[in-house]
Amino acid sequence: MTAGCRVPGAEGAQAGLSWLTILRKRENYRQVFDGFDPARVAEFGSEKIERLMANAGIVRNRLKVLSAVRNARAFLAIQREFGRFDAYVWRFVEGKPKINRWRSLPEVLLKRRNPGLSSQDLIRRGFTFVGPTICYAFMQAVGMVNDHLAACFRHREISSVSHTV
């Protein structure tokens, strides 16, 4: 699975919590969510969900667990419609990363705007826990937007990576 095929909403487990909390549980998530295979997660039934709810190795929030299953199903539906999930998401930025050239952190915080991926479209397609902040974090994680400061060594490196849908 390529980075462009990550499922938005996987970040949803973190909603309202610190990233450190989720990072400490990452291996547990990988194990109990079958390596994040959307086809397998989409098949989770009530027995599996109840086992997840009893597992202290993950965040035991029923809405978040159910969201992971629902998002896996919505992800697969988008794959069927567009051929690949990344073909769907990259169309929101016209197939190329949005390269910001921020000079200072206050500029990032004042001017940053979601350049594309529509949480409303994802919700319409059945996703949950995919608000604008989570969508933006997803876009940063898969390289759809580069918010590194222009002087940061990573800005040039990331800007030189191209994506083809």
N, C-alpha and C. Protein backbone atom coordinates (compact mmCIF):
# COMPACT_ATOMS: atom_id res chain seq x y z
N MET A 1 0.85 -1.17 0.00
CA MET A 1 0.00 0.00 0.00
C MET A 1 0.90 1.23 0.00
N THR A 2 0.69 2.14 -0.92
CA THR A 2 1.50 3.34 -0.98
C THR A 2 0.98 4.38 -0.02
N ALA A 3 1.81 5.37 0.26
CA ALA A 3 1.40 6.43 1.18
C ALA A 3 0.13 7.09 0.69
N GLY A 4 -0.05 7.23 -0.61
CA GLY A 4 -1.23 7.86 -1.17
C GLY A 4 -2.49 7.06 -0.96
N CYS A 5 -2.34 5.85 -0.46
CA CYS A 5 -3.50 4.99 -0.24
C CYS A 5 -3.88 4.88 1.22
N ARG A 6 -3.26 5.68 2.07
CA ARG A 6 -3.66 5.68 3.47
C ARG A 6 -5.12 6.05 3.56
N VAL A 7 -5.77 5.54 4.56
CA VAL A 7 -7.19 5.82 4.73
C VAL A 7 -7.37 7.04 5.61
N PRO A 8 -7.97 8.14 5.07
CA PRO A 8 -8.23 9.25 5.96
C PRO A 8 -9.24 8.79 7.00
N GLY A 9 -9.07 9.23 8.18
CA GLY A 9 -9.94 8.75 9.24
C GLY A 9 -9.20 7.78 10.14
N ALA A 10 -8.11 7.17 9.63
CA ALA A 10 -7.27 6.39 10.53
C ALA A 10 -6.76 7.34 11.60
N GLU A 11 -6.54 8.60 11.21
CA GLU A 11 -6.16 9.62 12.16
C GLU A 11 -7.30 9.90 13.14
N GLY A 12 -8.50 9.47 12.83
CA GLY A 12 -9.66 9.72 13.67
C GLY A 12 -9.54 9.13 15.06
N ALA A 13 -8.75 8.07 15.21
CA ALA A 13 -8.55 7.49 16.54
C ALA A 13 -7.90 8.50 17.47
N GLN A 14 -7.13 9.43 16.88
CA GLN A 14 -6.42 10.42 17.67
C GLN A 14 -7.30 11.60 18.06
N ALA A 15 -8.41 11.79 17.38
CA ALA A 15 -9.26 12.96 17.61
C ALA A 15 -9.52 13.17 19.11
N GLY A 16 -9.11 14.33 19.60
CA GLY A 16 -9.32 14.68 20.99
C GLY A 16 -8.27 14.14 21.94
N LEU A 17 -7.29 13.42 21.42
CA LEU A 17 -6.24 12.82 22.25
C LEU A 17 -4.88 13.29 21.76
N SER A 18 -3.86 13.04 22.54
CA SER A 18 -2.51 13.40 22.09
C SER A 18 -2.01 12.34 21.12
N TRP A 19 -1.14 12.80 20.19
CA TRP A 19 -0.54 11.84 19.26
C TRP A 19 0.29 10.82 20.01
N LEU A 20 0.91 11.21 21.12
CA LEU A 20 1.72 10.28 21.89
C LEU A 20 0.88 9.10 22.39
N THR A 21 -0.34 9.37 22.80
CA THR A 21 -1.23 8.30 23.24
C THR A 21 -1.43 7.28 22.13
N ILE A 22 -1.67 7.76 20.92
CA ILE A 22 -1.91 6.86 19.79
C ILE A 22 -0.61 6.16 19.37
N LEU A 23 0.49 6.90 19.34
CA LEU A 23 1.77 6.29 18.95
C LEU A 23 2.15 5.15 19.88
N ARG A 24 1.86 5.30 21.15
CA ARG A 24 2.16 4.22 22.10
C ARG A 24 1.30 2.98 21.86
N LYS A 25 0.18 3.15 21.21
CA LYS A 25 -0.73 2.04 20.94
C LYS A 25 -0.64 1.55 19.49
N ARG A 26 0.27 2.12 18.71
CA ARG A 26 0.34 1.85 17.27
C ARG A 26 0.45 0.36 16.94
N GLU A 27 1.36 -0.36 17.61
CA GLU A 27 1.52 -1.78 17.29
C GLU A 27 0.27 -2.58 17.64
N ASN A 28 -0.40 -2.20 18.72
CA ASN A 28 -1.66 -2.87 19.07
C ASN A 28 -2.70 -2.63 17.99
N TYR A 29 -2.79 -1.38 17.52
CA TYR A 29 -3.73 -1.07 16.44
C TYR A 29 -3.42 -1.90 15.21
N ARG A 30 -2.15 -1.94 14.82
CA ARG A 30 -1.76 -2.68 13.62
C ARG A 30 -2.17 -4.15 13.74
N GLN A 31 -1.98 -4.72 14.92
CA GLN A 31 -2.30 -6.13 15.12
C GLN A 31 -3.82 -6.37 15.10
N VAL A 32 -4.57 -5.63 15.90
CA VAL A 32 -6.01 -5.92 16.02
C VAL A 32 -6.82 -5.44 14.82
N PHE A 33 -6.25 -4.50 14.03
CA PHE A 33 -6.93 -4.05 12.82
C PHE A 33 -6.30 -4.70 11.57
N ASP A 34 -5.81 -5.92 11.75
CA ASP A 34 -5.32 -6.76 10.65
C ASP A 34 -4.39 -6.02 9.70
N GLY A 35 -3.39 -5.34 10.27
CA GLY A 35 -2.43 -4.63 9.44
C GLY A 35 -3.04 -3.49 8.65
N PHE A 36 -4.17 -3.00 9.10
CA PHE A 36 -4.90 -1.90 8.45
C PHE A 36 -5.35 -2.26 7.04
N ASP A 37 -5.61 -3.53 6.80
CA ASP A 37 -6.11 -3.98 5.50
C ASP A 37 -7.59 -3.61 5.42
N PRO A 38 -7.96 -2.65 4.56
CA PRO A 38 -9.35 -2.20 4.55
C PRO A 38 -10.36 -3.30 4.20
N ALA A 39 -9.97 -4.25 3.37
CA ALA A 39 -10.90 -5.33 3.02
C ALA A 39 -11.21 -6.19 4.25
N ARG A 40 -10.21 -6.42 5.07
CA ARG A 40 -10.44 -7.22 6.27
C ARG A 40 -11.20 -6.43 7.32
N VAL A 41 -10.82 -5.16 7.52
CA VAL A 41 -11.50 -4.33 8.53
C VAL A 41 -12.96 -4.13 8.15
N ALA A 42 -13.25 -3.99 6.87
CA ALA A 42 -14.64 -3.79 6.42
C ALA A 42 -15.54 -4.97 6.79
N GLU A 43 -14.95 -6.12 7.01
CA GLU A 43 -15.71 -7.33 7.35
C GLU A 43 -15.91 -7.53 8.85
N PHE A 44 -15.35 -6.64 9.67
CA PHE A 44 -15.49 -6.80 11.11
C PHE A 44 -16.97 -6.79 11.48
N GLY A 45 -17.37 -7.79 12.23
CA GLY A 45 -18.75 -7.87 12.71
C GLY A 45 -18.84 -7.55 14.19
N SER A 46 -20.00 -7.77 14.76
CA SER A 46 -20.24 -7.37 16.15
C SER A 46 -19.35 -8.11 17.14
N GLU A 47 -19.04 -9.40 16.89
CA GLU A 47 -18.16 -10.14 17.82
C GLU A 47 -16.76 -9.54 17.84
N LYS A 48 -16.22 -9.24 16.68
CA LYS A 48 -14.88 -8.64 16.59
C LYS A 48 -14.89 -7.26 17.25
N ILE A 49 -15.93 -6.49 17.02
CA ILE A 49 -16.02 -5.15 17.61
C ILE A 49 -16.06 -5.25 19.13
N GLU A 50 -16.78 -6.23 19.67
CA GLU A 50 -16.83 -6.40 21.13
C GLU A 50 -15.46 -6.80 21.68
N ARG A 51 -14.70 -7.63 20.93
CA ARG A 51 -13.34 -7.97 21.36
C ARG A 51 -12.46 -6.73 21.36
N LEU A 52 -12.63 -5.89 20.34
CA LEU A 52 -11.85 -4.64 20.29
C LEU A 52 -12.19 -3.74 21.47
N MET A 53 -13.46 -3.68 21.82
CA MET A 53 -13.88 -2.83 22.93
C MET A 53 -13.31 -3.30 24.27
N ALA A 54 -12.92 -4.56 24.36
CA ALA A 54 -12.34 -5.09 25.59
C ALA A 54 -10.82 -5.02 25.58
N ASN A 55 -10.22 -4.55 24.49
CA ASN A 55 -8.77 -4.54 24.32
C ASN A 55 -8.18 -3.21 24.82
N ALA A 56 -7.46 -3.27 25.95
CA ALA A 56 -6.87 -2.06 26.52
C ALA A 56 -5.71 -1.52 25.68
N GLY A 57 -5.29 -2.26 24.67
CA GLY A 57 -4.19 -1.83 23.82
C GLY A 57 -4.57 -0.79 22.78
N ILE A 58 -5.87 -0.48 22.68
CA ILE A 58 -6.34 0.56 21.76
C ILE A 58 -7.24 1.52 22.54
N VAL A 59 -7.62 2.60 21.89
CA VAL A 59 -8.58 3.52 22.49
C VAL A 59 -9.96 2.87 22.36
N ARG A 60 -10.58 2.58 23.49
CA ARG A 60 -11.84 1.83 23.48
C ARG A 60 -13.04 2.78 23.43
N ASN A 61 -13.10 3.52 22.39
CA ASN A 61 -14.22 4.42 22.14
C ASN A 61 -15.05 3.76 21.05
N ARG A 62 -16.25 3.35 21.38
CA ARG A 62 -17.08 2.60 20.43
C ARG A 62 -17.28 3.36 19.11
N LEU A 63 -17.51 4.68 19.20
CA LEU A 63 -17.71 5.44 17.96
C LEU A 63 -16.47 5.41 17.07
N LYS A 64 -15.29 5.45 17.68
CA LYS A 64 -14.06 5.40 16.90
C LYS A 64 -13.81 4.02 16.31
N VAL A 65 -14.10 2.99 17.05
CA VAL A 65 -13.95 1.62 16.53
C VAL A 65 -14.93 1.39 15.38
N LEU A 66 -16.18 1.78 15.58
CA LEU A 66 -17.17 1.63 14.51
C LEU A 66 -16.80 2.48 13.29
N SER A 67 -16.20 3.65 13.54
CA SER A 67 -15.76 4.52 12.47
C SER A 67 -14.70 3.85 11.61
N ALA A 68 -13.78 3.13 12.23
CA ALA A 68 -12.72 2.45 11.48
C ALA A 68 -13.33 1.44 10.50
N VAL A 69 -14.36 0.73 10.94
CA VAL A 69 -15.03 -0.26 10.08
C VAL A 69 -15.79 0.45 8.97
N ARG A 70 -16.54 1.45 9.34
CA ARG A 70 -17.31 2.21 8.34
C ARG A 70 -16.39 2.88 7.32
N ASN A 71 -15.28 3.46 7.78
CA ASN A 71 -14.34 4.11 6.87
C ASN A 71 -13.69 3.11 5.94
N ALA A 72 -13.41 1.91 6.42
CA ALA A 72 -12.84 0.88 5.55
C ALA A 72 -13.83 0.54 4.42
N ARG A 73 -15.09 0.46 4.76
CA ARG A 73 -16.11 0.18 3.73
C ARG A 73 -16.22 1.33 2.72
N ALA A 74 -16.18 2.57 3.24
CA ALA A 74 -16.26 3.72 2.34
C ALA A 74 -15.00 3.82 1.47
N PHE A 75 -13.86 3.49 2.03
CA PHE A 75 -12.60 3.47 1.28
C PHE A 75 -12.70 2.49 0.10
N LEU A 76 -13.20 1.30 0.38
CA LEU A 76 -13.34 0.29 -0.68
C LEU A 76 -14.33 0.74 -1.76
N ALA A 77 -15.39 1.42 -1.35
CA ALA A 77 -16.36 1.93 -2.33
C ALA A 77 -15.71 2.97 -3.24
N ILE A 78 -14.88 3.83 -2.68
CA ILE A 78 -14.17 4.83 -3.49
C ILE A 78 -13.18 4.14 -4.42
N GLN A 79 -12.50 3.11 -3.94
CA GLN A 79 -11.59 2.37 -4.81
C GLN A 79 -12.35 1.77 -6.00
N ARG A 80 -13.52 1.22 -5.73
CA ARG A 80 -14.31 0.65 -6.84
C ARG A 80 -14.71 1.73 -7.83
N GLU A 81 -15.10 2.90 -7.33
CA GLU A 81 -15.55 3.98 -8.21
C GLU A 81 -14.42 4.62 -9.01
N PHE A 82 -13.27 4.83 -8.39
CA PHE A 82 -12.18 5.58 -9.02
C PHE A 82 -11.02 4.70 -9.48
N GLY A 83 -11.07 3.42 -9.20
CA GLY A 83 -9.98 2.53 -9.56
C GLY A 83 -8.93 2.42 -8.47
N ARG A 84 -8.57 3.54 -7.88
CA ARG A 84 -7.62 3.60 -6.78
C ARG A 84 -8.05 4.75 -5.86
N PHE A 85 -7.79 4.58 -4.57
CA PHE A 85 -8.16 5.63 -3.64
C PHE A 85 -7.36 6.90 -3.89
N ASP A 86 -6.08 6.76 -4.23
CA ASP A 86 -5.28 7.96 -4.44
C ASP A 86 -5.76 8.74 -5.66
N ALA A 87 -6.35 8.08 -6.63
CA ALA A 87 -6.92 8.81 -7.78
C ALA A 87 -8.05 9.72 -7.31
N TYR A 88 -8.80 9.29 -6.33
CA TYR A 88 -9.87 10.11 -5.76
C TYR A 88 -9.31 11.31 -5.01
N VAL A 89 -8.38 11.08 -4.05
CA VAL A 89 -7.94 12.18 -3.20
C VAL A 89 -7.07 13.19 -3.93
N TRP A 90 -6.22 12.74 -4.85
CA TRP A 90 -5.31 13.67 -5.52
C TRP A 90 -6.04 14.60 -6.48
N ARG A 91 -7.25 14.28 -6.87
CA ARG A 91 -7.99 15.18 -7.76
C ARG A 91 -8.35 16.48 -7.03
N PHE A 92 -8.36 16.46 -5.70
CA PHE A 92 -8.66 17.66 -4.92
C PHE A 92 -7.54 18.69 -4.98
N VAL A 93 -6.34 18.28 -5.39
CA VAL A 93 -5.22 19.20 -5.56
C VAL A 93 -4.70 19.13 -7.00
N GLU A 94 -5.59 18.77 -7.90
CA GLU A 94 -5.28 18.70 -9.34
C GLU A 94 -4.06 17.84 -9.64
N GLY A 95 -3.88 16.77 -8.85
CA GLY A 95 -2.84 15.80 -9.13
C GLY A 95 -1.43 16.19 -8.74
N LYS A 96 -1.26 17.34 -8.10
CA LYS A 96 0.10 17.74 -7.71
C LYS A 96 0.06 18.37 -6.33
N PRO A 97 1.14 18.20 -5.57
CA PRO A 97 1.17 18.72 -4.20
C PRO A 97 1.04 20.24 -4.16
N LYS A 98 0.39 20.71 -3.12
CA LYS A 98 0.31 22.15 -2.84
C LYS A 98 1.56 22.49 -2.05
N ILE A 99 2.43 23.29 -2.64
CA ILE A 99 3.70 23.66 -2.00
C ILE A 99 3.57 25.06 -1.41
N ASN A 100 3.52 25.12 -0.09
CA ASN A 100 3.50 26.40 0.59
C ASN A 100 4.94 26.83 0.86
N ARG A 101 5.15 28.11 0.91
CA ARG A 101 6.50 28.65 1.16
C ARG A 101 6.45 29.59 2.37
N TRP A 102 6.06 29.02 3.49
CA TRP A 102 5.95 29.80 4.71
C TRP A 102 7.34 30.21 5.18
N ARG A 103 7.44 31.43 5.72
CA ARG A 103 8.73 31.93 6.24
C ARG A 103 8.81 31.84 7.76
N SER A 104 7.67 31.78 8.44
CA SER A 104 7.69 31.72 9.90
C SER A 104 6.48 30.93 10.39
N LEU A 105 6.58 30.38 11.58
CA LEU A 105 5.48 29.61 12.15
C LEU A 105 4.21 30.44 12.31
N PRO A 106 4.30 31.70 12.78
CA PRO A 106 3.07 32.50 12.85
C PRO A 106 2.38 32.65 11.49
N GLU A 107 3.16 32.73 10.42
CA GLU A 107 2.57 32.83 9.08
C GLU A 107 1.80 31.56 8.74
N VAL A 108 2.35 30.41 9.11
CA VAL A 108 1.67 29.13 8.87
C VAL A 108 0.33 29.13 9.59
N LEU A 109 0.36 29.50 10.86
CA LEU A 109 -0.86 29.46 11.67
C LEU A 109 -1.91 30.45 11.20
N LEU A 110 -1.47 31.59 10.67
CA LEU A 110 -2.42 32.61 10.21
C LEU A 110 -2.99 32.33 8.81
N LYS A 111 -2.16 31.79 7.92
CA LYS A 111 -2.54 31.69 6.51
C LYS A 111 -2.90 30.31 6.02
N ARG A 112 -2.57 29.28 6.77
CA ARG A 112 -2.81 27.92 6.30
C ARG A 112 -4.30 27.70 6.07
N ARG A 113 -4.59 27.17 4.93
CA ARG A 113 -5.97 26.83 4.58
C ARG A 113 -5.98 25.44 3.97
N ASN A 114 -7.07 24.74 4.15
CA ASN A 114 -7.20 23.43 3.52
C ASN A 114 -7.27 23.62 2.02
N PRO A 115 -6.27 23.15 1.29
CA PRO A 115 -6.24 23.40 -0.15
C PRO A 115 -7.08 22.44 -0.96
N GLY A 116 -7.90 21.60 -0.32
CA GLY A 116 -8.65 20.74 -1.21
C GLY A 116 -9.50 19.68 -0.59
N LEU A 117 -8.90 18.63 -0.06
CA LEU A 117 -9.65 17.44 0.33
C LEU A 117 -10.87 17.82 1.15
N SER A 118 -12.01 17.48 0.66
CA SER A 118 -13.27 17.92 1.24
C SER A 118 -13.78 16.93 2.28
N SER A 119 -13.81 17.36 3.52
CA SER A 119 -14.38 16.49 4.55
C SER A 119 -15.86 16.25 4.27
N GLN A 120 -16.54 17.24 3.70
CA GLN A 120 -17.97 17.06 3.37
C GLN A 120 -18.16 15.96 2.34
N ASP A 121 -17.27 15.89 1.34
CA ASP A 121 -17.39 14.84 0.33
C ASP A 121 -17.13 13.46 0.95
N LEU A 122 -16.13 13.39 1.82
CA LEU A 122 -15.86 12.12 2.49
C LEU A 122 -17.04 11.70 3.36
N ILE A 123 -17.62 12.64 4.07
CA ILE A 123 -18.78 12.33 4.92
C ILE A 123 -19.95 11.87 4.06
N ARG A 124 -20.17 12.56 2.94
CA ARG A 124 -21.25 12.16 2.02
C ARG A 124 -21.04 10.73 1.52
N ARG A 125 -19.79 10.32 1.42
CA ARG A 125 -19.46 8.98 0.94
C ARG A 125 -19.42 7.94 2.06
N GLY A 126 -19.75 8.35 3.29
CA GLY A 126 -19.88 7.40 4.38
C GLY A 126 -18.79 7.42 5.43
N PHE A 127 -17.79 8.28 5.30
CA PHE A 127 -16.72 8.36 6.29
C PHE A 127 -17.21 9.10 7.53
N THR A 128 -16.59 8.78 8.66
CA THR A 128 -16.82 9.51 9.91
C THR A 128 -15.46 9.87 10.51
N PHE A 129 -15.45 10.80 11.44
CA PHE A 129 -14.22 11.31 12.05
C PHE A 129 -13.26 11.84 10.98
N VAL A 130 -13.78 12.60 10.04
CA VAL A 130 -12.96 13.17 8.95
C VAL A 130 -13.25 14.66 8.79
N GLY A 131 -13.13 15.39 9.89
CA GLY A 131 -13.32 16.83 9.82
C GLY A 131 -12.15 17.49 9.11
N PRO A 132 -12.22 18.82 8.94
CA PRO A 132 -11.17 19.54 8.22
C PRO A 132 -9.77 19.36 8.80
N THR A 133 -9.63 19.31 10.12
CA THR A 133 -8.31 19.15 10.72
C THR A 133 -7.74 17.77 10.39
N ILE A 134 -8.54 16.74 10.50
CA ILE A 134 -8.08 15.39 10.18
C ILE A 134 -7.76 15.27 8.69
N CYS A 135 -8.58 15.86 7.84
CA CYS A 135 -8.30 15.83 6.40
C CYS A 135 -6.99 16.53 6.10
N TYR A 136 -6.74 17.66 6.74
CA TYR A 136 -5.50 18.39 6.49
C TYR A 136 -4.30 17.58 6.97
N ALA A 137 -4.41 16.94 8.12
CA ALA A 137 -3.32 16.09 8.63
C ALA A 137 -3.05 14.95 7.65
N PHE A 138 -4.09 14.37 7.10
CA PHE A 138 -3.95 13.31 6.09
C PHE A 138 -3.21 13.84 4.87
N MET A 139 -3.60 15.03 4.41
CA MET A 139 -2.97 15.62 3.23
C MET A 139 -1.48 15.87 3.48
N GLN A 140 -1.15 16.32 4.67
CA GLN A 140 0.27 16.52 5.00
C GLN A 140 1.00 15.18 5.03
N ALA A 141 0.38 14.18 5.63
CA ALA A 141 1.03 12.87 5.80
C ALA A 141 1.32 12.19 4.47
N VAL A 142 0.47 12.37 3.48
CA VAL A 142 0.67 11.68 2.19
C VAL A 142 1.34 12.57 1.15
N GLY A 143 1.71 13.78 1.55
CA GLY A 143 2.45 14.65 0.63
C GLY A 143 1.60 15.48 -0.30
N MET A 144 0.32 15.62 -0.02
CA MET A 144 -0.55 16.45 -0.85
C MET A 144 -0.33 17.93 -0.58
N VAL A 145 0.23 18.24 0.59
CA VAL A 145 0.52 19.62 0.95
C VAL A 145 1.85 19.64 1.70
N ASN A 146 2.68 20.61 1.40
CA ASN A 146 3.97 20.78 2.07
C ASN A 146 3.90 22.07 2.88
N ASP A 147 3.83 21.92 4.19
CA ASP A 147 3.75 23.06 5.10
C ASP A 147 5.06 23.32 5.83
N HIS A 148 6.15 22.67 5.42
CA HIS A 148 7.43 22.95 6.04
C HIS A 148 7.82 24.40 5.76
N LEU A 149 8.47 25.04 6.71
CA LEU A 149 8.97 26.39 6.47
C LEU A 149 9.95 26.33 5.29
N ALA A 150 9.97 27.39 4.49
CA ALA A 150 10.83 27.42 3.29
C ALA A 150 12.29 27.19 3.66
N ALA A 151 12.73 27.63 4.82
CA ALA A 151 14.12 27.46 5.24
C ALA A 151 14.42 26.07 5.80
N CYS A 152 13.41 25.26 6.02
CA CYS A 152 13.59 23.92 6.58
C CYS A 152 14.21 23.00 5.53
N PHE A 153 15.17 22.19 5.95
CA PHE A 153 15.82 21.27 5.01
C PHE A 153 14.83 20.30 4.36
N ARG A 154 13.74 19.99 5.03
CA ARG A 154 12.75 19.05 4.48
C ARG A 154 11.89 19.69 3.39
N HIS A 155 11.76 21.01 3.39
CA HIS A 155 10.90 21.68 2.41
C HIS A 155 11.35 21.34 0.99
N ARG A 156 12.64 21.54 0.70
CA ARG A 156 13.15 21.28 -0.65
C ARG A 156 13.05 19.80 -0.99
N GLU A 157 13.41 18.95 -0.04
CA GLU A 157 13.38 17.50 -0.27
C GLU A 157 11.96 17.03 -0.61
N ILE A 158 10.99 17.48 0.16
CA ILE A 158 9.60 17.07 -0.07
C ILE A 158 9.06 17.69 -1.35
N SER A 159 9.45 18.94 -1.61
CA SER A 159 8.97 19.63 -2.81
C SER A 159 9.45 18.95 -4.09
N SER A 160 10.56 18.23 -4.01
CA SER A 160 11.12 17.59 -5.21
C SER A 160 10.46 16.25 -5.51
N VAL A 161 9.69 15.72 -4.58
CA VAL A 161 9.01 14.44 -4.80
C VAL A 161 7.77 14.69 -5.64
N SER A 162 7.63 13.93 -6.69
CA SER A 162 6.44 14.10 -7.54
C SER A 162 5.48 12.95 -7.31
N HIS A 163 4.26 13.19 -7.64
CA HIS A 163 3.20 12.19 -7.50
C HIS A 163 2.53 12.03 -8.85
N THR A 164 2.27 10.81 -9.22
CA THR A 164 1.49 10.58 -10.44
C THR A 164 0.30 9.70 -10.08
N VAL A 165 -0.84 10.10 -10.55
CA VAL A 165 -2.08 9.35 -10.29
C VAL A 165 -2.31 8.43 -11.47
